[in-house]
């Protein structure tokens, strides 16, 4: 199953709980104005599993963390619905560029 994780790009910090792979995870998406990118932290039951994933289009964001305990086993991707490979920005994130999870 594939679904889009809602994001509001006009705020500096998005915090939400999302079910992925049958477990609930806390996602914190924050904007880094220094390099103009969004970053992602993933935690579960108040334990930080990953901190500082730079959100870029084109790759499974969790692939390099396959051996990290308790992470969802699916794919987490940035997808450009316009068919390009745009990274998320304050103008397009949550609109034409989305964060998607697929089991």
C-alpha atoms as a PDB file:
ATOM      1  CA  UNK A   1       0.000   0.000   0.000  1.00  0.00           C
ATOM      2  CA  UNK A   2       1.273   3.480  -0.919  1.00  0.00           C
ATOM      3  CA  UNK A   3       0.134   6.676   0.782  1.00  0.00           C
ATOM      4  CA  UNK A   4       1.118  10.327   1.004  1.00  0.00           C
ATOM      5  CA  UNK A   5       2.207  11.795   4.328  1.00  0.00           C
ATOM      6  CA  UNK A   6       0.728  15.301   4.607  1.00  0.00           C
ATOM      7  CA  UNK A   7       3.186  18.168   5.006  1.00  0.00           C
ATOM      8  CA  UNK A   8       2.652  21.897   5.447  1.00  0.00           C
ATOM      9  CA  UNK A   9       5.681  23.619   3.944  1.00  0.00           C
ATOM     10  CA  UNK A  10       4.871  27.069   5.274  1.00  0.00           C
ATOM     11  CA  UNK A  11       5.672  26.106   8.868  1.00  0.00           C
ATOM     12  CA  UNK A  12       9.193  25.527  10.175  1.00  0.00           C
ATOM     13  CA  UNK A  13       8.282  22.298  11.980  1.00  0.00           C
ATOM     14  CA  UNK A  14       5.827  19.504  11.118  1.00  0.00           C
ATOM     15  CA  UNK A  15       5.216  16.917  13.823  1.00  0.00           C
ATOM     16  CA  UNK A  16       2.897  13.968  13.325  1.00  0.00           C
ATOM     17  CA  UNK A  17       2.340  10.327  14.131  1.00  0.00           C
ATOM     18  CA  UNK A  18       2.110   8.024  11.120  1.00  0.00           C
ATOM     19  CA  UNK A  19       1.412   4.309  10.837  1.00  0.00           C
ATOM     20  CA  UNK A  20       3.985   2.602   8.629  1.00  0.00           C
ATOM     21  CA  UNK A  21       4.381  -1.148   8.356  1.00  0.00           C
ATOM     22  CA  UNK A  22       1.831  -1.760  11.099  1.00  0.00           C
ATOM     23  CA  UNK A  23       3.620   0.381  13.709  1.00  0.00           C
ATOM     24  CA  UNK A  24       3.236   4.015  14.700  1.00  0.00           C
ATOM     25  CA  UNK A  25       6.167   6.374  14.235  1.00  0.00           C
ATOM     26  CA  UNK A  26       6.619  10.001  15.208  1.00  0.00           C
ATOM     27  CA  UNK A  27       7.878  12.093  12.300  1.00  0.00           C
ATOM     28  CA  UNK A  28       9.411  15.510  12.713  1.00  0.00           C
ATOM     29  CA  UNK A  29       9.965  17.404   9.469  1.00  0.00           C
ATOM     30  CA  UNK A  30      11.839  20.646   9.859  1.00  0.00           C
ATOM     31  CA  UNK A  31      13.124  23.249   7.473  1.00  0.00           C
ATOM     32  CA  UNK A  32      16.823  24.115   7.535  1.00  0.00           C
ATOM     33  CA  UNK A  33      17.102  27.695   6.260  1.00  0.00           C
ATOM     34  CA  UNK A  34      20.893  27.520   6.042  1.00  0.00           C
ATOM     35  CA  UNK A  35      20.885  25.099   3.102  1.00  0.00           C
ATOM     36  CA  UNK A  36      17.191  25.507   2.211  1.00  0.00           C
ATOM     37  CA  UNK A  37      16.301  21.824   2.653  1.00  0.00           C
ATOM     38  CA  UNK A  38      13.834  19.877   4.728  1.00  0.00           C
ATOM     39  CA  UNK A  39      15.115  17.320   7.231  1.00  0.00           C
ATOM     40  CA  UNK A  40      13.346  14.333   8.818  1.00  0.00           C
ATOM     41  CA  UNK A  41      13.660  12.718  12.243  1.00  0.00           C
ATOM     42  CA  UNK A  42      11.926   9.405  12.985  1.00  0.00           C
ATOM     43  CA  UNK A  43      11.226   8.131  16.484  1.00  0.00           C
ATOM     44  CA  UNK A  44       9.096   5.439  18.064  1.00  0.00           C
ATOM     45  CA  UNK A  45       7.933   5.253  21.668  1.00  0.00           C
ATOM     46  CA  UNK A  46      10.083   8.287  22.576  1.00  0.00           C
ATOM     47  CA  UNK A  47      13.250   6.727  21.144  1.00  0.00           C
ATOM     48  CA  UNK A  48      14.931   8.544  18.248  1.00  0.00           C
ATOM     49  CA  UNK A  49      15.674   6.019  15.508  1.00  0.00           C
ATOM     50  CA  UNK A  50      17.055   8.373  12.840  1.00  0.00           C
ATOM     51  CA  UNK A  51      17.826  12.071  12.979  1.00  0.00           C
ATOM     52  CA  UNK A  52      18.605  14.458  10.151  1.00  0.00           C
ATOM     53  CA  UNK A  53      17.593  12.654   6.964  1.00  0.00           C
ATOM     54  CA  UNK A  54      17.867  15.243   4.195  1.00  0.00           C
ATOM     55  CA  UNK A  55      14.696  15.060   2.095  1.00  0.00           C
ATOM     56  CA  UNK A  56      15.722  14.756  -1.549  1.00  0.00           C
ATOM     57  CA  UNK A  57      13.933  13.307  -4.549  1.00  0.00           C
ATOM     58  CA  UNK A  58      14.934  10.119  -6.291  1.00  0.00           C
ATOM     59  CA  UNK A  59      15.977   7.605  -3.634  1.00  0.00           C
ATOM     60  CA  UNK A  60      14.422   5.546  -0.873  1.00  0.00           C
ATOM     61  CA  UNK A  61      15.190   7.670   2.179  1.00  0.00           C
ATOM     62  CA  UNK A  62      15.329   4.611   4.456  1.00  0.00           C
ATOM     63  CA  UNK A  63      17.537   2.407   2.238  1.00  0.00           C
ATOM     64  CA  UNK A  64      20.787   3.298   4.001  1.00  0.00           C
ATOM     65  CA  UNK A  65      19.212   2.462   7.370  1.00  0.00           C
ATOM     66  CA  UNK A  66      18.016  -1.078   6.567  1.00  0.00           C
ATOM     67  CA  UNK A  67      19.825  -2.522   9.567  1.00  0.00           C
ATOM     68  CA  UNK A  68      18.484   0.029  12.053  1.00  0.00           C
ATOM     69  CA  UNK A  69      16.237  -1.769  14.496  1.00  0.00           C
ATOM     70  CA  UNK A  70      12.536  -0.974  14.562  1.00  0.00           C
ATOM     71  CA  UNK A  71      12.344   1.053  11.332  1.00  0.00           C
ATOM     72  CA  UNK A  72       9.521   0.348   8.887  1.00  0.00           C
ATOM     73  CA  UNK A  73      10.537  -2.105   6.164  1.00  0.00           C
ATOM     74  CA  UNK A  74       8.862  -0.185   3.322  1.00  0.00           C
ATOM     75  CA  UNK A  75      10.136   2.655   1.175  1.00  0.00           C
ATOM     76  CA  UNK A  76       9.960   6.331   2.064  1.00  0.00           C
ATOM     77  CA  UNK A  77      10.340   8.586  -0.970  1.00  0.00           C
ATOM     78  CA  UNK A  78      10.075  12.177  -2.104  1.00  0.00           C
ATOM     79  CA  UNK A  79       7.937  12.166  -5.255  1.00  0.00           C
ATOM     80  CA  UNK A  80       7.530  14.984  -7.769  1.00  0.00           C
ATOM     81  CA  UNK A  81       4.006  14.671  -9.182  1.00  0.00           C
ATOM     82  CA  UNK A  82       5.016  16.818 -12.167  1.00  0.00           C
ATOM     83  CA  UNK A  83       7.276  13.990 -13.350  1.00  0.00           C
ATOM     84  CA  UNK A  84      10.564  15.706 -12.612  1.00  0.00           C
ATOM     85  CA  UNK A  85      13.010  15.219  -9.785  1.00  0.00           C
ATOM     86  CA  UNK A  86      12.399  18.391  -7.793  1.00  0.00           C
ATOM     87  CA  UNK A  87      13.535  18.401  -4.196  1.00  0.00           C
ATOM     88  CA  UNK A  88      11.054  19.796  -1.670  1.00  0.00           C
ATOM     89  CA  UNK A  89      11.064  23.566  -1.203  1.00  0.00           C
ATOM     90  CA  UNK A  90       8.900  25.946   0.777  1.00  0.00           C
ATOM     91  CA  UNK A  91       6.894  26.536  -2.411  1.00  0.00           C
ATOM     92  CA  UNK A  92       6.313  22.967  -3.639  1.00  0.00           C
ATOM     93  CA  UNK A  93       6.459  20.617  -0.617  1.00  0.00           C
ATOM     94  CA  UNK A  94       3.038  19.181   0.127  1.00  0.00           C
ATOM     95  CA  UNK A  95       1.723  20.534  -3.177  1.00  0.00           C
ATOM     96  CA  UNK A  96       3.518  19.025  -6.194  1.00  0.00           C
ATOM     97  CA  UNK A  97       6.356  17.391  -4.246  1.00  0.00           C
ATOM     98  CA  UNK A  98       5.200  14.886  -1.657  1.00  0.00           C
ATOM     99  CA  UNK A  99       6.511  12.500   0.981  1.00  0.00           C
ATOM    100  CA  UNK A 100       5.211   8.986   0.279  1.00  0.00           C
ATOM    101  CA  UNK A 101       5.490   5.658   2.071  1.00  0.00           C
ATOM    102  CA  UNK A 102       5.035   2.289   0.379  1.00  0.00           C
ATOM    103  CA  UNK A 103       4.940  -1.095   2.143  1.00  0.00           C
END
